[in-house]
N, C-alpha and C. Protein backbone atom coordinates (compact mmCIF):
# COMPACT_ATOMS: atom_id res chain seq x y z
N MET A 1 -22.72 -55.44 -3.01
CA MET A 1 -22.47 -54.36 -4.92
C MET A 1 -21.76 -55.50 -5.33
N LEU A 2 -20.44 -55.80 -5.28
CA LEU A 2 -19.61 -56.27 -6.15
C LEU A 2 -20.49 -57.79 -5.97
N GLY A 3 -20.97 -58.62 -5.35
CA GLY A 3 -21.75 -59.70 -5.11
C GLY A 3 -23.17 -59.67 -6.12
N ASP A 4 -24.14 -59.59 -5.51
CA ASP A 4 -25.64 -59.02 -6.06
C ASP A 4 -25.95 -58.08 -6.19
N GLY A 5 -25.18 -57.11 -6.20
CA GLY A 5 -25.76 -55.93 -6.60
C GLY A 5 -25.37 -55.64 -8.13
N ASN A 6 -26.19 -54.57 -8.89
CA ASN A 6 -25.54 -54.03 -9.69
C ASN A 6 -26.50 -52.15 -10.20
N ILE A 7 -25.69 -51.64 -10.90
CA ILE A 7 -25.92 -50.21 -10.81
C ILE A 7 -26.35 -50.13 -12.40
N LEU A 8 -27.40 -49.74 -13.10
CA LEU A 8 -27.89 -49.32 -13.98
C LEU A 8 -28.62 -47.91 -14.23
N GLY A 9 -28.02 -47.19 -14.86
CA GLY A 9 -28.32 -45.64 -15.06
C GLY A 9 -28.56 -45.06 -13.74
N ASN A 10 -29.51 -44.48 -12.74
CA ASN A 10 -29.21 -43.79 -11.30
C ASN A 10 -29.94 -44.90 -10.82
N ARG A 11 -30.14 -46.19 -10.82
CA ARG A 11 -30.83 -47.32 -9.97
C ARG A 11 -29.72 -48.14 -9.74
N VAL A 12 -29.79 -48.80 -8.42
CA VAL A 12 -29.19 -49.98 -7.56
C VAL A 12 -30.00 -50.46 -7.52
N ARG A 13 -29.35 -51.95 -7.61
CA ARG A 13 -30.46 -53.22 -7.38
C ARG A 13 -29.50 -54.19 -6.77
N ILE A 14 -30.23 -54.85 -5.57
CA ILE A 14 -29.28 -55.81 -4.56
C ILE A 14 -30.17 -56.85 -4.77
N ALA A 15 -29.62 -58.12 -5.36
CA ALA A 15 -30.68 -59.40 -5.65
C ALA A 15 -30.37 -60.17 -4.19
N PHE A 16 -31.47 -61.02 -3.62
CA PHE A 16 -31.47 -62.17 -2.63
C PHE A 16 -32.47 -63.46 -2.89
N ASP A 17 -32.15 -64.20 -1.92
CA ASP A 17 -32.92 -65.43 -1.77
C ASP A 17 -33.76 -65.03 -0.60
N LYS A 18 -35.21 -64.85 -0.95
CA LYS A 18 -36.32 -64.14 -0.38
C LYS A 18 -36.33 -64.97 1.21
N ARG A 19 -36.18 -65.97 1.20
CA ARG A 19 -36.05 -66.79 2.33
C ARG A 19 -34.97 -66.11 3.32
N ASN A 20 -33.87 -65.80 2.91
CA ASN A 20 -33.12 -64.84 3.93
C ASN A 20 -33.71 -63.49 4.12
N THR A 21 -34.78 -63.18 4.83
CA THR A 21 -35.15 -62.32 5.48
C THR A 21 -34.09 -61.21 6.59
N ASN A 22 -33.53 -62.06 7.31
CA ASN A 22 -32.44 -61.30 8.42
C ASN A 22 -31.34 -60.54 7.28
N TYR A 23 -30.96 -61.18 6.01
CA TYR A 23 -29.94 -60.37 5.53
C TYR A 23 -30.66 -59.62 4.47
N ILE A 24 -31.50 -59.67 4.17
CA ILE A 24 -32.42 -58.48 3.55
C ILE A 24 -32.50 -57.28 4.36
N ILE A 25 -33.03 -57.47 5.42
CA ILE A 25 -33.05 -56.25 6.64
C ILE A 25 -32.19 -55.85 7.05
N TYR A 26 -30.78 -56.42 6.97
CA TYR A 26 -29.27 -56.09 7.52
C TYR A 26 -29.09 -55.10 6.20
N VAL A 27 -29.14 -55.52 5.01
CA VAL A 27 -28.61 -54.86 4.09
C VAL A 27 -29.94 -53.57 3.74
N SER A 28 -30.85 -54.08 4.02
CA SER A 28 -31.85 -52.36 3.81
C SER A 28 -31.29 -51.45 5.15
N ARG A 29 -31.31 -51.64 6.15
CA ARG A 29 -30.51 -50.88 7.27
C ARG A 29 -29.23 -50.22 6.80
N LEU A 30 -28.64 -50.85 5.65
CA LEU A 30 -26.79 -50.61 5.64
C LEU A 30 -27.32 -49.44 4.64
N ILE A 31 -28.18 -49.77 3.84
CA ILE A 31 -28.45 -48.34 2.75
C ILE A 31 -28.76 -47.26 3.50
N THR A 32 -29.68 -47.54 4.48
CA THR A 32 -30.26 -46.25 4.79
C THR A 32 -29.07 -45.73 5.70
N ALA A 33 -27.94 -46.66 6.69
CA ALA A 33 -26.97 -45.97 7.01
C ALA A 33 -26.08 -45.25 6.40
N ILE A 34 -25.73 -45.56 5.17
CA ILE A 34 -25.04 -45.42 4.54
C ILE A 34 -25.18 -44.00 3.76
N PHE A 35 -26.66 -44.06 2.89
CA PHE A 35 -26.94 -43.01 2.04
C PHE A 35 -28.09 -42.23 2.85
N GLY A 36 -28.49 -42.43 4.03
CA GLY A 36 -29.69 -41.98 4.56
C GLY A 36 -31.20 -42.02 3.44
N ILE A 37 -31.41 -43.13 2.79
CA ILE A 37 -32.43 -43.32 1.89
C ILE A 37 -32.88 -44.97 2.34
N LYS A 38 -34.40 -44.89 1.97
CA LYS A 38 -34.78 -46.19 2.02
C LYS A 38 -34.70 -46.85 0.87
N SER A 39 -34.52 -48.00 1.06
CA SER A 39 -35.05 -48.79 -0.09
C SER A 39 -35.82 -49.41 0.06
N LYS A 40 -36.41 -50.06 -1.63
CA LYS A 40 -37.80 -50.56 -1.79
C LYS A 40 -37.46 -52.23 -2.47
N LYS A 41 -38.34 -52.92 -1.48
CA LYS A 41 -38.33 -54.54 -1.38
C LYS A 41 -39.28 -54.78 -2.89
N GLU A 42 -38.93 -55.51 -3.37
CA GLU A 42 -39.46 -56.31 -4.83
C GLU A 42 -39.49 -57.98 -4.71
N ILE A 43 -40.42 -58.59 -4.27
CA ILE A 43 -40.12 -60.47 -4.25
C ILE A 43 -40.97 -60.73 -5.52
N LEU A 44 -40.10 -62.08 -6.29
CA LEU A 44 -40.49 -62.22 -7.21
C LEU A 44 -41.92 -63.76 -6.85
N GLU A 45 -42.96 -63.55 -7.02
CA GLU A 45 -43.77 -64.57 -7.18
C GLU A 45 -43.53 -66.15 -7.67
N ARG A 46 -43.72 -67.07 -6.79
CA ARG A 46 -43.16 -68.53 -7.35
C ARG A 46 -41.79 -68.62 -7.40
N THR A 47 -40.97 -68.02 -6.94
CA THR A 47 -39.69 -68.13 -7.09
C THR A 47 -38.71 -67.90 -5.71
N ASN A 48 -37.68 -67.65 -5.41
CA ASN A 48 -37.17 -67.58 -4.13
C ASN A 48 -36.32 -66.23 -4.59
N GLN A 49 -36.54 -65.22 -5.41
CA GLN A 49 -35.81 -64.33 -5.43
C GLN A 49 -36.48 -62.68 -4.86
N ALA A 50 -35.61 -61.82 -4.34
CA ALA A 50 -36.34 -60.72 -3.63
C ALA A 50 -34.98 -59.76 -4.13
N TYR A 51 -35.48 -58.69 -4.26
CA TYR A 51 -34.52 -57.60 -4.63
C TYR A 51 -34.91 -56.24 -3.35
N LEU A 52 -33.70 -54.97 -3.18
CA LEU A 52 -33.67 -54.32 -2.65
C LEU A 52 -33.13 -53.16 -3.84
N TYR A 53 -33.84 -52.31 -4.17
CA TYR A 53 -33.77 -51.05 -4.85
C TYR A 53 -33.73 -50.06 -4.50
N PHE A 54 -33.00 -48.80 -5.34
CA PHE A 54 -33.22 -47.42 -5.22
C PHE A 54 -33.21 -46.98 -6.51
N THR A 55 -33.65 -45.59 -6.45
CA THR A 55 -33.07 -44.58 -7.42
C THR A 55 -32.61 -43.56 -6.98
N ASN A 56 -31.46 -43.06 -6.68
CA ASN A 56 -30.77 -42.07 -6.44
C ASN A 56 -29.76 -41.36 -6.86
N LEU A 57 -29.47 -40.51 -7.97
CA LEU A 57 -28.09 -40.13 -8.42
C LEU A 57 -27.16 -39.95 -7.29
N PHE A 58 -27.08 -39.10 -6.61
CA PHE A 58 -26.01 -39.07 -5.38
C PHE A 58 -25.47 -40.45 -4.90
N ALA A 59 -26.30 -41.19 -4.61
CA ALA A 59 -26.22 -42.78 -4.14
C ALA A 59 -25.26 -43.42 -5.61
N VAL A 60 -25.55 -43.23 -6.69
CA VAL A 60 -24.98 -43.86 -7.49
C VAL A 60 -23.39 -43.18 -8.08
N GLU A 61 -23.57 -41.72 -7.69
CA GLU A 61 -22.64 -41.29 -8.24
C GLU A 61 -21.12 -41.75 -7.26
N LYS A 62 -21.77 -42.01 -5.77
CA LYS A 62 -20.79 -41.71 -5.17
C LYS A 62 -20.04 -43.30 -4.96
N LEU A 63 -20.94 -44.36 -5.44
CA LEU A 63 -20.83 -45.98 -5.85
C LEU A 63 -19.90 -46.21 -6.66
N ILE A 64 -20.05 -45.12 -8.05
CA ILE A 64 -18.87 -45.17 -8.82
C ILE A 64 -17.48 -44.40 -8.65
N HIS A 65 -17.65 -43.29 -7.76
CA HIS A 65 -16.57 -42.92 -7.41
C HIS A 65 -15.69 -43.70 -6.54
N LEU A 66 -16.49 -44.62 -5.25
CA LEU A 66 -15.67 -45.32 -5.12
C LEU A 66 -15.41 -46.54 -5.66
N GLY A 67 -15.22 -46.39 -6.93
CA GLY A 67 -14.69 -47.37 -7.96
C GLY A 67 -16.00 -48.66 -8.26
N LEU A 68 -17.00 -48.58 -8.24
CA LEU A 68 -17.64 -49.30 -8.53
C LEU A 68 -18.02 -49.10 -10.00
N ILE A 69 -18.40 -50.08 -10.88
CA ILE A 69 -18.59 -49.68 -12.45
C ILE A 69 -20.51 -49.80 -12.76
N ALA A 70 -20.97 -49.09 -13.52
CA ALA A 70 -22.64 -49.48 -13.65
C ALA A 70 -22.29 -49.94 -15.18
N GLY A 71 -23.32 -51.34 -15.28
CA GLY A 71 -23.47 -51.87 -16.28
C GLY A 71 -23.18 -53.41 -15.74
N ASN A 72 -22.73 -54.22 -16.91
CA ASN A 72 -22.20 -55.54 -16.77
C ASN A 72 -20.91 -55.91 -15.76
N LYS A 73 -20.93 -56.49 -14.75
CA LYS A 73 -19.42 -56.49 -13.82
C LYS A 73 -18.56 -57.21 -14.67
N ILE A 74 -19.29 -58.44 -15.35
CA ILE A 74 -17.89 -59.54 -15.57
C ILE A 74 -17.67 -58.71 -16.75
N GLU A 75 -18.26 -58.22 -17.90
CA GLU A 75 -17.77 -57.71 -18.95
C GLU A 75 -17.03 -56.62 -18.91
N ASN A 76 -17.24 -55.96 -17.48
CA ASN A 76 -16.07 -54.78 -17.19
C ASN A 76 -14.94 -55.02 -16.81
N SER A 77 -14.94 -56.60 -15.94
CA SER A 77 -13.73 -56.96 -15.06
C SER A 77 -13.85 -56.16 -14.08
N LEU A 78 -14.91 -55.88 -13.46
CA LEU A 78 -15.10 -55.26 -12.05
C LEU A 78 -14.11 -55.86 -10.97
N GLY A 79 -13.37 -54.99 -10.42
CA GLY A 79 -12.73 -55.97 -9.27
C GLY A 79 -12.95 -55.25 -8.15
N ILE A 80 -11.91 -55.42 -7.03
CA ILE A 80 -12.38 -55.03 -6.05
C ILE A 80 -11.51 -53.49 -5.96
N PRO A 81 -11.91 -52.55 -4.93
CA PRO A 81 -11.36 -51.16 -5.38
C PRO A 81 -10.22 -51.37 -4.72
N ARG A 82 -8.94 -50.69 -4.94
CA ARG A 82 -7.57 -50.13 -4.44
C ARG A 82 -7.92 -50.04 -2.86
N TRP A 83 -8.76 -49.16 -2.68
CA TRP A 83 -8.77 -48.51 -1.26
C TRP A 83 -9.32 -49.66 -0.60
N ILE A 84 -10.04 -50.25 -0.84
CA ILE A 84 -10.42 -51.97 0.20
C ILE A 84 -9.10 -52.33 0.60
N LYS A 85 -8.61 -53.09 -0.82
CA LYS A 85 -7.30 -53.92 -0.66
C LYS A 85 -6.03 -53.06 0.50
N GLU A 86 -6.11 -51.93 0.46
CA GLU A 86 -4.90 -51.28 1.13
C GLU A 86 -5.63 -51.15 2.67
N ASN A 87 -6.58 -51.69 3.01
CA ASN A 87 -7.06 -51.53 4.39
C ASN A 87 -7.65 -52.66 4.71
N LYS A 88 -6.98 -53.54 5.99
CA LYS A 88 -7.22 -54.65 6.49
C LYS A 88 -8.40 -54.43 7.11
N ALA A 89 -9.42 -53.50 7.89
CA ALA A 89 -10.84 -53.32 8.46
C ALA A 89 -11.54 -53.98 7.26
N TYR A 90 -11.39 -53.04 6.09
CA TYR A 90 -12.57 -52.82 4.82
C TYR A 90 -12.11 -54.19 4.15
N SER A 91 -10.96 -54.91 3.85
CA SER A 91 -10.91 -56.15 3.42
C SER A 91 -11.76 -57.15 3.81
N LYS A 92 -11.67 -56.98 5.51
CA LYS A 92 -12.56 -58.00 6.11
C LYS A 92 -14.11 -58.19 5.71
N ALA A 93 -14.62 -56.87 5.80
CA ALA A 93 -15.40 -56.36 5.24
C ALA A 93 -16.29 -56.73 3.98
N CYS A 94 -15.13 -56.45 2.99
CA CYS A 94 -15.37 -57.08 1.70
C CYS A 94 -15.57 -58.32 1.68
N ILE A 95 -14.63 -59.14 2.16
CA ILE A 95 -14.56 -60.77 2.28
C ILE A 95 -16.15 -61.12 2.61
N ARG A 96 -16.32 -60.94 3.64
CA ARG A 96 -17.67 -61.09 4.50
C ARG A 96 -18.82 -60.88 3.67
N GLY A 97 -19.08 -59.57 3.00
CA GLY A 97 -19.94 -59.50 1.85
C GLY A 97 -20.19 -60.54 0.88
N LEU A 98 -18.96 -60.69 0.04
CA LEU A 98 -18.84 -61.67 -0.86
C LEU A 98 -19.18 -62.91 -0.36
N ILE A 99 -18.61 -63.97 0.96
CA ILE A 99 -18.96 -64.79 1.15
C ILE A 99 -20.53 -64.81 1.30
N ASP A 100 -20.91 -63.58 1.84
CA ASP A 100 -22.51 -63.88 2.39
C ASP A 100 -23.56 -63.55 0.81
N THR A 101 -22.96 -63.25 0.11
CA THR A 101 -23.55 -63.15 -1.30
C THR A 101 -23.42 -64.09 -2.50
N ASP A 102 -21.73 -64.39 -2.39
CA ASP A 102 -21.77 -65.38 -3.48
C ASP A 102 -20.57 -66.44 -2.97
N GLY A 103 -20.74 -66.89 -1.70
CA GLY A 103 -20.06 -68.09 -1.09
C GLY A 103 -21.28 -68.88 -0.23
N CYS A 104 -20.71 -70.04 0.18
CA CYS A 104 -21.44 -70.94 0.71
C CYS A 104 -20.77 -71.28 1.87
N ILE A 105 -21.02 -71.98 2.88
CA ILE A 105 -20.65 -72.85 4.42
C ILE A 105 -21.21 -73.71 4.06
N TYR A 106 -20.56 -74.91 3.89
CA TYR A 106 -21.19 -76.36 4.12
C TYR A 106 -20.33 -77.21 4.93
N LYS A 107 -21.28 -78.45 5.01
CA LYS A 107 -20.46 -79.19 5.97
C LYS A 107 -20.49 -80.58 4.74
N CYS A 108 -19.09 -81.01 4.39
CA CYS A 108 -18.69 -81.95 3.47
C CYS A 108 -19.50 -83.66 4.16
N LYS A 109 -20.57 -84.09 3.76
CA LYS A 109 -20.79 -85.37 4.54
C LYS A 109 -19.81 -86.36 4.34
N ARG A 110 -19.20 -86.50 3.44
CA ARG A 110 -18.18 -87.87 3.28
C ARG A 110 -17.24 -87.35 4.58
N GLU A 111 -16.66 -86.28 4.66
CA GLU A 111 -15.41 -85.92 5.15
C GLU A 111 -15.63 -85.42 6.57
N LYS A 112 -16.69 -84.93 6.71
CA LYS A 112 -17.80 -84.57 8.10
C LYS A 112 -16.80 -83.36 8.71
N GLN A 113 -16.47 -82.26 7.75
CA GLN A 113 -15.95 -81.12 7.74
C GLN A 113 -16.50 -80.02 6.78
N ILE A 114 -16.43 -78.85 8.02
CA ILE A 114 -16.78 -78.05 7.09
C ILE A 114 -15.69 -77.06 6.40
N TYR A 115 -16.38 -76.53 5.02
CA TYR A 115 -15.41 -76.15 3.83
C TYR A 115 -16.60 -74.43 3.72
N ILE A 116 -15.62 -73.89 3.33
CA ILE A 116 -16.24 -72.57 2.66
C ILE A 116 -15.67 -72.41 1.15
N LYS A 117 -16.97 -71.83 0.35
CA LYS A 117 -16.33 -71.77 -0.72
C LYS A 117 -16.84 -70.34 -1.61
N PHE A 118 -15.96 -69.77 -2.39
CA PHE A 118 -16.48 -68.68 -2.86
C PHE A 118 -16.71 -68.89 -4.51
N THR A 119 -17.53 -68.81 -4.89
CA THR A 119 -17.73 -68.75 -6.66
C THR A 119 -18.29 -67.38 -6.95
N ASN A 120 -17.55 -67.36 -8.59
CA ASN A 120 -17.93 -66.09 -9.12
C ASN A 120 -17.52 -66.35 -10.39
N PHE A 121 -18.08 -65.97 -11.61
CA PHE A 121 -17.96 -65.87 -12.78
C PHE A 121 -16.79 -64.56 -13.36
N ASN A 122 -16.89 -63.55 -12.43
CA ASN A 122 -15.86 -62.68 -12.72
C ASN A 122 -14.67 -62.88 -12.45
N LYS A 123 -13.84 -63.26 -13.74
CA LYS A 123 -12.19 -63.39 -13.30
C LYS A 123 -11.08 -62.58 -12.10
N GLN A 124 -11.81 -61.61 -12.58
CA GLN A 124 -11.11 -59.84 -11.48
C GLN A 124 -11.34 -60.28 -10.28
N LEU A 125 -12.57 -60.31 -10.06
CA LEU A 125 -12.84 -60.48 -8.69
C LEU A 125 -12.80 -61.72 -8.17
N LEU A 126 -12.43 -62.82 -9.11
CA LEU A 126 -11.74 -64.11 -7.88
C LEU A 126 -10.56 -63.82 -8.14
N ARG A 127 -9.82 -63.23 -8.95
CA ARG A 127 -8.24 -62.86 -8.33
C ARG A 127 -8.24 -61.94 -7.47
N ASP A 128 -8.82 -60.84 -7.33
CA ASP A 128 -9.12 -59.85 -5.95
C ASP A 128 -9.31 -60.40 -4.73
N PHE A 129 -10.16 -61.40 -5.19
CA PHE A 129 -10.93 -62.48 -3.38
C PHE A 129 -9.56 -63.02 -2.98
N ARG A 130 -8.93 -63.62 -4.09
CA ARG A 130 -8.11 -64.71 -3.49
C ARG A 130 -6.58 -64.08 -2.68
N GLU A 131 -6.19 -62.61 -3.82
CA GLU A 131 -5.50 -61.74 -3.52
C GLU A 131 -5.42 -61.45 -1.86
N ILE A 132 -7.03 -60.74 -1.80
CA ILE A 132 -7.06 -60.33 -0.24
C ILE A 132 -7.15 -61.70 0.48
N THR A 133 -7.49 -62.49 0.38
CA THR A 133 -7.60 -63.95 1.37
C THR A 133 -6.18 -63.86 2.16
N LEU A 134 -5.58 -64.30 0.80
CA LEU A 134 -3.73 -64.56 1.24
C LEU A 134 -3.43 -63.51 1.80
N GLU A 135 -3.12 -62.23 1.47
CA GLU A 135 -3.02 -61.31 2.51
C GLU A 135 -3.34 -61.64 3.92
N LEU A 136 -4.67 -61.53 4.01
CA LEU A 136 -5.37 -62.01 5.68
C LEU A 136 -4.95 -63.14 6.00
N LYS A 137 -4.16 -64.14 5.40
CA LYS A 137 -3.59 -65.37 5.89
C LYS A 137 -5.05 -66.61 5.69
N TYR A 138 -5.40 -66.31 4.92
CA TYR A 138 -6.72 -67.29 4.55
C TYR A 138 -6.43 -67.87 3.09
N PRO A 139 -5.73 -69.15 2.89
CA PRO A 139 -5.28 -70.11 1.80
C PRO A 139 -6.63 -70.21 0.96
N PHE A 140 -7.19 -69.54 0.53
CA PHE A 140 -8.18 -70.60 -0.74
C PHE A 140 -7.84 -70.98 -1.62
N ALA A 141 -8.09 -72.56 -1.86
CA ALA A 141 -7.38 -73.04 -3.00
C ALA A 141 -8.18 -72.65 -4.21
N LYS A 142 -7.68 -73.05 -5.37
CA LYS A 142 -8.49 -73.10 -6.57
C LYS A 142 -9.51 -74.41 -6.73
N ALA A 143 -10.92 -74.59 -6.53
CA ALA A 143 -11.52 -76.10 -6.61
C ALA A 143 -11.69 -76.13 -8.03
N ASN A 144 -11.64 -74.76 -9.09
CA ASN A 144 -12.28 -75.07 -10.41
C ASN A 144 -12.10 -73.69 -11.04
N LYS A 145 -12.26 -73.29 -11.95
CA LYS A 145 -12.20 -71.87 -12.49
C LYS A 145 -13.16 -71.14 -12.09
N ASN A 146 -13.84 -71.26 -11.68
CA ASN A 146 -15.22 -70.54 -11.03
C ASN A 146 -15.26 -70.29 -9.70
N ASN A 147 -14.41 -71.23 -8.70
CA ASN A 147 -14.65 -71.50 -7.58
C ASN A 147 -13.13 -71.36 -6.63
N LEU A 148 -12.88 -71.19 -5.46
CA LEU A 148 -12.21 -70.94 -4.81
C LEU A 148 -12.15 -71.58 -3.22
N CYS A 149 -11.87 -72.47 -2.73
CA CYS A 149 -12.46 -73.24 -1.85
C CYS A 149 -11.07 -73.06 -0.51
N LEU A 150 -11.92 -73.07 1.23
CA LEU A 150 -11.02 -72.84 2.05
C LEU A 150 -11.42 -74.41 3.24
N TYR A 151 -10.41 -75.33 2.74
CA TYR A 151 -10.79 -76.60 3.26
C TYR A 151 -10.21 -76.74 4.76
N ARG A 152 -8.90 -76.10 4.99
CA ARG A 152 -8.43 -76.92 6.39
C ARG A 152 -9.24 -75.88 7.71
N LYS A 153 -9.47 -77.40 8.42
CA LYS A 153 -10.27 -77.37 9.96
C LYS A 153 -9.99 -75.93 9.99
N ASN A 154 -8.35 -75.90 10.62
CA ASN A 154 -8.03 -74.86 11.70
C ASN A 154 -8.60 -73.35 11.01
N GLU A 155 -8.35 -73.26 9.82
CA GLU A 155 -8.45 -71.88 8.95
C GLU A 155 -9.96 -71.63 8.44
N VAL A 156 -10.59 -72.50 8.57
CA VAL A 156 -12.01 -72.23 8.54
C VAL A 156 -12.66 -71.81 9.84
N VAL A 157 -12.32 -72.40 10.79
CA VAL A 157 -12.35 -72.13 12.14
C VAL A 157 -12.28 -70.15 12.30
N ARG A 158 -10.89 -70.36 11.99
CA ARG A 158 -10.39 -68.82 12.14
C ARG A 158 -11.25 -68.00 11.40
N PHE A 159 -11.34 -68.12 10.04
CA PHE A 159 -12.33 -67.79 9.10
C PHE A 159 -13.52 -66.99 9.74
N ILE A 160 -14.28 -68.28 10.00
CA ILE A 160 -15.29 -67.67 10.75
C ILE A 160 -15.13 -66.77 11.84
N LYS A 161 -14.67 -67.06 12.89
CA LYS A 161 -14.14 -66.12 13.95
C LYS A 161 -14.24 -65.09 13.41
N ASP A 162 -13.10 -64.56 12.52
CA ASP A 162 -12.26 -63.26 12.08
C ASP A 162 -13.49 -62.66 11.45
N ILE A 163 -13.56 -63.11 10.51
CA ILE A 163 -14.46 -62.19 9.34
C ILE A 163 -16.20 -62.55 9.67
N LYS A 164 -16.66 -63.09 10.18
CA LYS A 164 -17.92 -63.28 11.14
C LYS A 164 -19.07 -63.36 9.87
N PRO A 165 -18.54 -64.30 8.61
CA PRO A 165 -19.78 -64.08 7.91
C PRO A 165 -21.06 -64.43 8.34
N LEU A 166 -22.30 -63.50 7.79
CA LEU A 166 -23.72 -63.70 8.25
C LEU A 166 -24.06 -65.04 8.12
N LYS A 167 -23.90 -65.55 7.30
CA LYS A 167 -24.29 -67.28 6.86
C LYS A 167 -23.92 -67.98 8.19
N SER A 168 -23.12 -67.80 9.07
CA SER A 168 -22.24 -68.99 9.82
C SER A 168 -22.97 -68.62 10.87
N MET A 169 -23.63 -67.29 10.98
CA MET A 169 -24.30 -66.86 12.33
C MET A 169 -25.84 -67.00 11.98
N ASN A 170 -26.40 -67.47 10.78
CA ASN A 170 -27.71 -67.56 10.44
C ASN A 170 -27.91 -69.16 10.13
N GLY A 171 -27.18 -69.97 11.01
CA GLY A 171 -27.49 -71.45 10.89
C GLY A 171 -26.80 -72.12 9.96
N ALA A 172 -25.97 -71.48 8.81
CA ALA A 172 -25.50 -72.47 7.91
C ALA A 172 -24.36 -73.27 8.92
N VAL A 173 -23.82 -72.82 9.69
CA VAL A 173 -22.57 -73.60 10.40
C VAL A 173 -23.05 -74.11 11.73
N GLY A 174 -23.64 -75.37 12.09
CA GLY A 174 -24.04 -75.36 13.57
C GLY A 174 -23.10 -75.99 14.28
């Protein structure tokens, strides 16, 4: 939800790349496991966009109670809720989700090394991501105003083994 999800009224919608079917299935099952409801899938023709969505007032109220905000996340400066920051397991799961939605794991051809980058236009979310990753001993460096990057080989390997981003398990890292 912090990455590619939004709340509007009593509707929750999460955006995906439609080519990432395994991740769409994973999130759909997560919604069912957490809220006991089934999400619907919408695929936009002639694009790579897909969405999972559901309309459920109970689920929306629960998400808002947990610290999420309805409406524009950037304008509302939505950050990572404190209860996540205060729990190491939740922090790891949150960072994994943010990398899976707004991050990338790629191999730099010139340097022949794998890097992890997190991109977001929400300044509060960038600050919170950096705070949590530093707490977890992953020193993401500022690449530019909207990007944080993990460069050192040993830290990248440790991050992938410890955080287990789904992108690294789906062939993004070979």
